[in-house]
PDB file of all heavy atoms in Angstrom:
ATOM      1  N   THR A   1     113.631  97.143 114.591  1.00  0.00           N
ATOM      2  CA  THR A   1     114.369  95.936 114.123  1.00  0.00           C
ATOM      3  C   THR A   1     113.419  94.935 113.500  1.00  0.00           C
ATOM      4  O   THR A   1     113.733  94.312 112.476  1.00  0.00           O
ATOM      5  CB  THR A   1     115.118  95.313 115.297  1.00  0.00           C
ATOM      6  OG1 THR A   1     116.034  96.250 115.869  1.00  0.00           O
ATOM      7  CG2 THR A   1     115.882  94.078 114.835  1.00  0.00           C
ATOM      8  N   LEU A   2     112.225  94.779 114.126  1.00  0.00           N
ATOM      9  CA  LEU A   2     111.240  93.858 113.561  1.00  0.00           C
ATOM     10  C   LEU A   2     110.839  94.301 112.168  1.00  0.00           C
ATOM     11  O   LEU A   2     110.804  93.499 111.246  1.00  0.00           O
ATOM     12  CB  LEU A   2     110.038  93.831 114.489  1.00  0.00           C
ATOM     13  CG  LEU A   2     108.767  93.142 113.927  1.00  0.00           C
ATOM     14  CD1 LEU A   2     109.010  91.681 113.664  1.00  0.00           C
ATOM     15  CD2 LEU A   2     107.564  93.376 114.853  1.00  0.00           C
ATOM     16  N   MET A   3     110.554  95.583 112.027  1.00  0.00           N
ATOM     17  CA  MET A   3     110.069  96.054 110.699  1.00  0.00           C
ATOM     18  C   MET A   3     111.173  95.918 109.679  1.00  0.00           C
ATOM     19  O   MET A   3     110.906  95.525 108.503  1.00  0.00           O
ATOM     20  CB  MET A   3     109.564  97.503 110.835  1.00  0.00           C
ATOM     21  CG  MET A   3     108.255  97.636 111.543  1.00  0.00           C
ATOM     22  SD  MET A   3     107.576  99.297 111.517  1.00  0.00           S
ATOM     23  CE  MET A   3     108.558 100.083 112.821  1.00  0.00           C
ATOM     24  N   ARG A   4     112.385  96.275 110.026  1.00  0.00           N
ATOM     25  CA  ARG A   4     113.485  96.174 109.031  1.00  0.00           C
ATOM     26  C   ARG A   4     113.793  94.722 108.617  1.00  0.00           C
ATOM     27  O   ARG A   4     114.209  94.470 107.495  1.00  0.00           O
ATOM     28  CB  ARG A   4     114.753  96.789 109.665  1.00  0.00           C
ATOM     29  CG  ARG A   4     114.748  98.326 109.662  1.00  0.00           C
ATOM     30  CD  ARG A   4     115.970  98.891 110.311  1.00  0.00           C
ATOM     31  NE  ARG A   4     116.040 100.341 110.153  1.00  0.00           N
ATOM     32  CZ  ARG A   4     116.757 101.145 110.899  1.00  0.00           C
ATOM     33  NH1 ARG A   4     117.521 100.627 111.886  1.00  0.00           N
ATOM     34  NH2 ARG A   4     116.771 102.436 110.678  1.00  0.00           N
ATOM     35  N   SER A   5     113.522  93.783 109.518  1.00  0.00           N
ATOM     36  CA  SER A   5     113.786  92.374 109.198  1.00  0.00           C
ATOM     37  C   SER A   5     112.731  91.790 108.283  1.00  0.00           C
ATOM     38  O   SER A   5     112.974  90.759 107.613  1.00  0.00           O
ATOM     39  CB  SER A   5     113.879  91.536 110.471  1.00  0.00           C
ATOM     40  OG  SER A   5     112.623  91.523 111.141  1.00  0.00           O
ATOM     41  N   VAL A   6     111.570  92.419 108.181  1.00  0.00           N
ATOM     42  CA  VAL A   6     110.461  91.878 107.399  1.00  0.00           C
ATOM     43  C   VAL A   6     110.190  92.695 106.123  1.00  0.00           C
ATOM     44  O   VAL A   6     109.939  92.115 105.050  1.00  0.00           O
ATOM     45  CB  VAL A   6     109.172  91.796 108.237  1.00  0.00           C
ATOM     46  CG1 VAL A   6     107.985  91.361 107.376  1.00  0.00           C
ATOM     47  CG2 VAL A   6     109.395  90.854 109.415  1.00  0.00           C
ATOM     48  N   LEU A   7     110.232  94.001 106.251  1.00  0.00           N
ATOM     49  CA  LEU A   7     109.831  94.850 105.112  1.00  0.00           C
ATOM     50  C   LEU A   7     110.927  94.852 104.007  1.00  0.00           C
ATOM     51  O   LEU A   7     112.099  94.617 104.293  1.00  0.00           O
ATOM     52  CB  LEU A   7     109.575  96.271 105.584  1.00  0.00           C
ATOM     53  CG  LEU A   7     108.495  96.426 106.686  1.00  0.00           C
ATOM     54  CD1 LEU A   7     108.244  97.899 106.972  1.00  0.00           C
ATOM     55  CD2 LEU A   7     107.195  95.764 106.224  1.00  0.00           C
ATOM     56  N   PRO A   8     110.536  95.079 102.760  1.00  0.00           N
ATOM     57  CA  PRO A   8     111.499  95.131 101.644  1.00  0.00           C
ATOM     58  C   PRO A   8     112.620  96.149 101.922  1.00  0.00           C
ATOM     59  O   PRO A   8     112.398  97.143 102.640  1.00  0.00           O
ATOM     60  CB  PRO A   8     110.646  95.563 100.456  1.00  0.00           C
ATOM     61  CG  PRO A   8     109.257  95.162 100.808  1.00  0.00           C
ATOM     62  CD  PRO A   8     109.143  95.334 102.289  1.00  0.00           C
ATOM     63  N   GLU A   9     113.749  95.918 101.283  1.00  0.00           N
ATOM     64  CA  GLU A   9     114.932  96.730 101.557  1.00  0.00           C
ATOM     65  C   GLU A   9     114.739  98.181 101.205  1.00  0.00           C
ATOM     66  O   GLU A   9     115.317  99.090 101.796  1.00  0.00           O
ATOM     67  CB  GLU A   9     116.135  96.152 100.803  1.00  0.00           C
ATOM     68  CG  GLU A   9     117.491  96.784 101.135  1.00  0.00           C
ATOM     69  CD  GLU A   9     118.641  96.101 100.461  1.00  0.00           C
ATOM     70  OE1 GLU A   9     118.417  95.018  99.846  1.00  0.00           O
ATOM     71  OE2 GLU A   9     119.749  96.651 100.504  1.00  0.00           O
ATOM     72  N   ASP A  10     113.953  98.447 100.153  1.00  0.00           N
ATOM     73  CA  ASP A  10     113.778  99.851  99.721  1.00  0.00           C
ATOM     74  C   ASP A  10     112.635 100.561 100.475  1.00  0.00           C
ATOM     75  O   ASP A  10     112.243 101.684 100.111  1.00  0.00           O
ATOM     76  CB  ASP A  10     113.518  99.925  98.247  1.00  0.00           C
ATOM     77  CG  ASP A  10     112.296  99.133  97.796  1.00  0.00           C
ATOM     78  OD1 ASP A  10     111.765  98.375  98.620  1.00  0.00           O
ATOM     79  OD2 ASP A  10     111.898  99.300  96.637  1.00  0.00           O
ATOM     80  N   SER A  11     112.096  99.936 101.518  1.00  0.00           N
ATOM     81  CA  SER A  11     111.084 100.566 102.332  1.00  0.00           C
ATOM     82  C   SER A  11     111.645 101.768 103.090  1.00  0.00           C
ATOM     83  O   SER A  11     112.838 101.775 103.460  1.00  0.00           O
ATOM     84  CB  SER A  11     110.475  99.584 103.342  1.00  0.00           C
ATOM     85  OG  SER A  11     109.892  98.490 102.675  1.00  0.00           O
ATOM     86  N   VAL A  12     110.841 102.767 103.283  1.00  0.00           N
ATOM     87  CA  VAL A  12     111.237 103.979 104.015  1.00  0.00           C
ATOM     88  C   VAL A  12     110.442 104.048 105.316  1.00  0.00           C
ATOM     89  O   VAL A  12     109.205 104.196 105.307  1.00  0.00           O
ATOM     90  CB  VAL A  12     110.983 105.240 103.159  1.00  0.00           C
ATOM     91  CG1 VAL A  12     111.292 106.476 104.003  1.00  0.00           C
ATOM     92  CG2 VAL A  12     111.838 105.206 101.921  1.00  0.00           C
ATOM     93  N   ILE A  13     111.139 103.847 106.461  1.00  0.00           N
ATOM     94  CA  ILE A  13     110.487 103.784 107.782  1.00  0.00           C
ATOM     95  C   ILE A  13     110.768 105.131 108.479  1.00  0.00           C
ATOM     96  O   ILE A  13     111.908 105.534 108.642  1.00  0.00           O
ATOM     97  CB  ILE A  13     111.002 102.641 108.624  1.00  0.00           C
ATOM     98  CG1 ILE A  13     110.863 101.300 107.883  1.00  0.00           C
ATOM     99  CG2 ILE A  13     110.319 102.580 109.992  1.00  0.00           C
ATOM    100  CD1 ILE A  13     111.505 100.147 108.575  1.00  0.00           C
ATOM    101  N   CYS A  14     109.711 105.799 108.912  1.00  0.00           N
ATOM    102  CA  CYS A  14     109.795 107.094 109.587  1.00  0.00           C
ATOM    103  C   CYS A  14     109.204 107.020 110.959  1.00  0.00           C
ATOM    104  O   CYS A  14     108.094 106.479 111.142  1.00  0.00           O
ATOM    105  CB  CYS A  14     109.068 108.177 108.790  1.00  0.00           C
ATOM    106  SG  CYS A  14     109.658 108.384 107.064  1.00  0.00           S
ATOM    107  N   ARG A  15     109.923 107.519 111.920  1.00  0.00           N
ATOM    108  CA  ARG A  15     109.373 107.669 113.288  1.00  0.00           C
ATOM    109  C   ARG A  15     108.629 108.994 113.348  1.00  0.00           C
ATOM    110  O   ARG A  15     109.244 110.040 113.275  1.00  0.00           O
ATOM    111  CB  ARG A  15     110.484 107.569 114.341  1.00  0.00           C
ATOM    112  CG  ARG A  15     109.963 107.588 115.770  1.00  0.00           C
ATOM    113  CD  ARG A  15     111.085 107.636 116.777  1.00  0.00           C
ATOM    114  NE  ARG A  15     110.607 107.667 118.156  1.00  0.00           N
ATOM    115  CZ  ARG A  15     111.338 108.047 119.185  1.00  0.00           C
ATOM    116  NH1 ARG A  15     112.602 108.468 119.005  1.00  0.00           N
ATOM    117  NH2 ARG A  15     110.855 108.029 120.389  1.00  0.00           N
ATOM    118  N   THR A  16     107.320 108.935 113.510  1.00  0.00           N
ATOM    119  CA  THR A  16     106.496 110.137 113.471  1.00  0.00           C
ATOM    120  C   THR A  16     106.096 110.625 114.845  1.00  0.00           C
ATOM    121  O   THR A  16     105.536 111.730 114.969  1.00  0.00           O
ATOM    122  CB  THR A  16     105.285 109.896 112.635  1.00  0.00           C
ATOM    123  OG1 THR A  16     104.532 108.772 113.170  1.00  0.00           O
ATOM    124  CG2 THR A  16     105.647 109.600 111.167  1.00  0.00           C
ATOM    125  N   GLY A  17     106.351 109.820 115.885  1.00  0.00           N
ATOM    126  CA  GLY A  17     106.042 110.232 117.242  1.00  0.00           C
ATOM    127  C   GLY A  17     106.830 109.409 118.234  1.00  0.00           C
ATOM    128  O   GLY A  17     107.799 108.705 117.825  1.00  0.00           O
ATOM    129  N   GLY A  18     106.467 109.403 119.494  1.00  0.00           N
ATOM    130  CA  GLY A  18     107.224 108.689 120.497  1.00  0.00           C
ATOM    131  C   GLY A  18     107.384 107.201 120.176  1.00  0.00           C
ATOM    132  O   GLY A  18     108.472 106.661 120.138  1.00  0.00           O
ATOM    133  N   ASP A  19     106.277 106.527 119.923  1.00  0.00           N
ATOM    134  CA  ASP A  19     106.339 105.099 119.534  1.00  0.00           C
ATOM    135  C   ASP A  19     105.507 104.808 118.320  1.00  0.00           C
ATOM    136  O   ASP A  19     105.028 103.706 118.102  1.00  0.00           O
ATOM    137  CB  ASP A  19     105.815 104.224 120.721  1.00  0.00           C
ATOM    138  CG  ASP A  19     104.407 104.555 121.131  1.00  0.00           C
ATOM    139  OD1 ASP A  19     103.879 105.619 120.701  1.00  0.00           O
ATOM    140  OD2 ASP A  19     103.775 103.754 121.861  1.00  0.00           O
ATOM    141  N   GLU A  20     105.358 105.831 117.476  1.00  0.00           N
ATOM    142  CA  GLU A  20     104.553 105.731 116.265  1.00  0.00           C
ATOM    143  C   GLU A  20     105.451 105.787 115.034  1.00  0.00           C
ATOM    144  O   GLU A  20     106.390 106.593 114.956  1.00  0.00           O
ATOM    145  CB  GLU A  20     103.528 106.864 116.202  1.00  0.00           C
ATOM    146  CG  GLU A  20     102.536 106.825 117.377  1.00  0.00           C
ATOM    147  CD  GLU A  20     101.683 108.073 117.433  1.00  0.00           C
ATOM    148  OE1 GLU A  20     101.926 108.995 116.593  1.00  0.00           O
ATOM    149  OE2 GLU A  20     100.807 108.181 118.329  1.00  0.00           O
ATOM    150  N   PHE A  21     105.087 104.981 114.042  1.00  0.00           N
ATOM    151  CA  PHE A  21     105.898 104.890 112.821  1.00  0.00           C
ATOM    152  C   PHE A  21     104.975 104.803 111.586  1.00  0.00           C
ATOM    153  O   PHE A  21     103.845 104.347 111.660  1.00  0.00           O
ATOM    154  CB  PHE A  21     106.765 103.612 112.829  1.00  0.00           C
ATOM    155  CG  PHE A  21     107.739 103.600 113.969  1.00  0.00           C
ATOM    156  CD1 PHE A  21     107.387 103.030 115.202  1.00  0.00           C
ATOM    157  CD2 PHE A  21     109.025 104.088 113.818  1.00  0.00           C
ATOM    158  CE1 PHE A  21     108.274 103.034 116.247  1.00  0.00           C
ATOM    159  CE2 PHE A  21     109.955 104.078 114.849  1.00  0.00           C
ATOM    160  CZ  PHE A  21     109.568 103.529 116.076  1.00  0.00           C
ATOM    161  N   VAL A  22     105.512 105.339 110.492  1.00  0.00           N
ATOM    162  CA  VAL A  22     104.883 105.163 109.177  1.00  0.00           C
ATOM    163  C   VAL A  22     105.924 104.585 108.236  1.00  0.00           C
ATOM    164  O   VAL A  22     107.066 105.121 108.177  1.00  0.00           O
ATOM    165  CB  VAL A  22     104.328 106.482 108.636  1.00  0.00           C
ATOM    166  CG1 VAL A  22     103.875 106.307 107.173  1.00  0.00           C
ATOM    167  CG2 VAL A  22     103.165 106.995 109.474  1.00  0.00           C
ATOM    168  N   ALA A  23     105.629 103.516 107.546  1.00  0.00           N
ATOM    169  CA  ALA A  23     106.534 102.900 106.599  1.00  0.00           C
ATOM    170  C   ALA A  23     105.952 102.993 105.197  1.00  0.00           C
ATOM    171  O   ALA A  23     104.774 102.657 104.999  1.00  0.00           O
ATOM    172  CB  ALA A  23     106.794 101.450 106.951  1.00  0.00           C
ATOM    173  N   PHE A  24     106.750 103.479 104.231  1.00  0.00           N
ATOM    174  CA  PHE A  24     106.352 103.564 102.835  1.00  0.00           C
ATOM    175  C   PHE A  24     106.989 102.394 102.072  1.00  0.00           C
ATOM    176  O   PHE A  24     108.212 102.223 102.121  1.00  0.00           O
ATOM    177  CB  PHE A  24     106.772 104.894 102.239  1.00  0.00           C
ATOM    178  CG  PHE A  24     106.157 106.082 102.902  1.00  0.00           C
ATOM    179  CD1 PHE A  24     106.786 106.692 103.986  1.00  0.00           C
ATOM    180  CD2 PHE A  24     104.904 106.589 102.482  1.00  0.00           C
ATOM    181  CE1 PHE A  24     106.205 107.814 104.608  1.00  0.00           C
ATOM    182  CE2 PHE A  24     104.331 107.656 103.112  1.00  0.00           C
ATOM    183  CZ  PHE A  24     104.970 108.284 104.179  1.00  0.00           C
ATOM    184  N   LEU A  25     106.169 101.641 101.364  1.00  0.00           N
ATOM    185  CA  LEU A  25     106.629 100.492 100.624  1.00  0.00           C
ATOM    186  C   LEU A  25     106.378 100.660  99.128  1.00  0.00           C
ATOM    187  O   LEU A  25     105.251 100.378  98.637  1.00  0.00           O
ATOM    188  CB  LEU A  25     105.940  99.206 101.088  1.00  0.00           C
ATOM    189  CG  LEU A  25     106.348  98.625 102.464  1.00  0.00           C
ATOM    190  CD1 LEU A  25     106.034  99.540 103.606  1.00  0.00           C
ATOM    191  CD2 LEU A  25     105.670  97.256 102.670  1.00  0.00           C
ATOM    192  N   PRO A  26     107.329 101.233  98.355  1.00  0.00           N
ATOM    193  CA  PRO A  26     107.096 101.450  96.937  1.00  0.00           C
ATOM    194  C   PRO A  26     106.990 100.153  96.168  1.00  0.00           C
ATOM    195  O   PRO A  26     107.675  99.149  96.488  1.00  0.00           O
ATOM    196  CB  PRO A  26     108.355 102.262  96.496  1.00  0.00           C
ATOM    197  CG  PRO A  26     109.378 101.932  97.528  1.00  0.00           C
ATOM    198  CD  PRO A  26     108.634 101.727  98.809  1.00  0.00           C
ATOM    199  N   ASN A  27     106.125 100.130  95.169  1.00  0.00           N
ATOM    200  CA  ASN A  27     105.896  98.977  94.296  1.00  0.00           C
ATOM    201  C   ASN A  27     105.445  97.727  95.069  1.00  0.00           C
ATOM    202  O   ASN A  27     105.781  96.599  94.703  1.00  0.00           O
ATOM    203  CB  ASN A  27     107.171  98.694  93.494  1.00  0.00           C
ATOM    204  CG  ASN A  27     107.617  99.842  92.641  1.00  0.00           C
ATOM    205  OD1 ASN A  27     106.848 100.320  91.832  1.00  0.00           O
ATOM    206  ND2 ASN A  27     108.800 100.364  92.893  1.00  0.00           N
ATOM    207  N   VAL A  28     104.668  97.948  96.129  1.00  0.00           N
ATOM    208  CA  VAL A  28     104.101  96.831  96.907  1.00  0.00           C
ATOM    209  C   VAL A  28     102.549  96.986  96.840  1.00  0.00           C
ATOM    210  O   VAL A  28     102.014  98.014  97.242  1.00  0.00           O
ATOM    211  CB  VAL A  28     104.580  96.844  98.357  1.00  0.00           C
ATOM    212  CG1 VAL A  28     103.794  95.839  99.186  1.00  0.00           C
ATOM    213  CG2 VAL A  28     106.093  96.582  98.407  1.00  0.00           C
ATOM    214  N   ASP A  29     101.860  95.955  96.312  1.00  0.00           N
ATOM    215  CA  ASP A  29     100.411  96.034  96.169  1.00  0.00           C
ATOM    216  C   ASP A  29      99.716  95.593  97.468  1.00  0.00           C
ATOM    217  O   ASP A  29     100.358  95.188  98.434  1.00  0.00           O
ATOM    218  CB  ASP A  29      99.931  95.235  94.959  1.00  0.00           C
ATOM    219  CG  ASP A  29     100.325  93.759  95.056  1.00  0.00           C
ATOM    220  OD1 ASP A  29     100.577  93.284  96.179  1.00  0.00           O
ATOM    221  OD2 ASP A  29     100.333  93.115  94.010  1.00  0.00           O
ATOM    222  N   GLU A  30      98.375  95.639  97.415  1.00  0.00           N
ATOM    223  CA  GLU A  30      97.600  95.334  98.634  1.00  0.00           C
ATOM    224  C   GLU A  30      97.785  93.912  99.113  1.00  0.00           C
ATOM    225  O   GLU A  30      97.929  93.654 100.284  1.00  0.00           O
ATOM    226  CB  GLU A  30      96.125  95.625  98.328  1.00  0.00           C
ATOM    227  CG  GLU A  30      95.229  95.441  99.531  1.00  0.00           C
ATOM    228  CD  GLU A  30      93.760  95.824  99.269  1.00  0.00           C
ATOM    229  OE1 GLU A  30      93.527  96.227  98.105  1.00  0.00           O
ATOM    230  OE2 GLU A  30      92.968  95.755 100.191  1.00  0.00           O
ATOM    231  N   ALA A  31      97.808  92.958  98.184  1.00  0.00           N
ATOM    232  CA  ALA A  31      97.978  91.578  98.569  1.00  0.00           C
ATOM    233  C   ALA A  31      99.302  91.324  99.258  1.00  0.00           C
ATOM    234  O   ALA A  31      99.385  90.646 100.291  1.00  0.00           O
ATOM    235  CB  ALA A  31      97.861  90.656  97.352  1.00  0.00           C
ATOM    236  N   ARG A  32     100.333  91.919  98.718  1.00  0.00           N
ATOM    237  CA  ARG A  32     101.662  91.693  99.299  1.00  0.00           C
ATOM    238  C   ARG A  32     101.773  92.389 100.673  1.00  0.00           C
ATOM    239  O   ARG A  32     102.372  91.809 101.616  1.00  0.00           O
ATOM    240  CB  ARG A  32     102.734  92.212  98.374  1.00  0.00           C
ATOM    241  CG  ARG A  32     104.139  91.852  98.867  1.00  0.00           C
ATOM    242  CD  ARG A  32     105.247  92.314  97.947  1.00  0.00           C
ATOM    243  NE  ARG A  32     106.548  92.052  98.459  1.00  0.00           N
ATOM    244  CZ  ARG A  32     107.683  92.637  98.073  1.00  0.00           C
ATOM    245  NH1 ARG A  32     107.637  93.547  97.111  1.00  0.00           N
ATOM    246  NH2 ARG A  32     108.829  92.315  98.606  1.00  0.00           N
ATOM    247  N   VAL A  33     101.261  93.605 100.831  1.00  0.00           N
ATOM    248  CA  VAL A  33     101.426  94.262 102.119  1.00  0.00           C
ATOM    249  C   VAL A  33     100.618  93.523 103.186  1.00  0.00           C
ATOM    250  O   VAL A  33     101.064  93.465 104.368  1.00  0.00           O
ATOM    251  CB  VAL A  33     100.975  95.775 101.977  1.00  0.00           C
ATOM    252  CG1 VAL A  33      99.448  95.923 101.924  1.00  0.00           C
ATOM    253  CG2 VAL A  33     101.527  96.562 103.207  1.00  0.00           C
ATOM    254  N   ASN A  34      99.487  92.942 102.832  1.00  0.00           N
ATOM    255  CA  ASN A  34      98.740  92.192 103.821  1.00  0.00           C
ATOM    256  C   ASN A  34      99.487  90.932 104.250  1.00  0.00           C
ATOM    257  O   ASN A  34      99.465  90.546 105.447  1.00  0.00           O
ATOM    258  CB  ASN A  34      97.367  91.790 103.261  1.00  0.00           C
ATOM    259  CG  ASN A  34      96.406  92.996 103.170  1.00  0.00           C
ATOM    260  OD1 ASN A  34      96.557  93.948 103.962  1.00  0.00           O
ATOM    261  ND2 ASN A  34      95.486  92.953 102.230  1.00  0.00           N
ATOM    262  N   HIS A  35     100.203  90.340 103.296  1.00  0.00           N
ATOM    263  CA  HIS A  35     101.068  89.212 103.649  1.00  0.00           C
ATOM    264  C   HIS A  35     102.154  89.623 104.588  1.00  0.00           C
ATOM    265  O   HIS A  35     102.511  88.886 105.547  1.00  0.00           O
ATOM    266  CB  HIS A  35     101.614  88.583 102.342  1.00  0.00           C
ATOM    267  CG  HIS A  35     102.560  87.444 102.563  1.00  0.00           C
ATOM    268  ND1 HIS A  35     102.131  86.246 103.114  1.00  0.00           N
ATOM    269  CD2 HIS A  35     103.908  87.305 102.342  1.00  0.00           C
ATOM    270  CE1 HIS A  35     103.188  85.445 103.192  1.00  0.00           C
ATOM    271  NE2 HIS A  35     104.261  86.054 102.747  1.00  0.00           N
TER     272      HIS A  35
END
């Protein structure tokens, strides 16, 4: 819920393990992802 509330709408969030996740943010550069 935290990630969905903050990350862009077209982000792809994958649960890769028990409590592990990888989120893909297309068209997001380094400065924006750090923000």
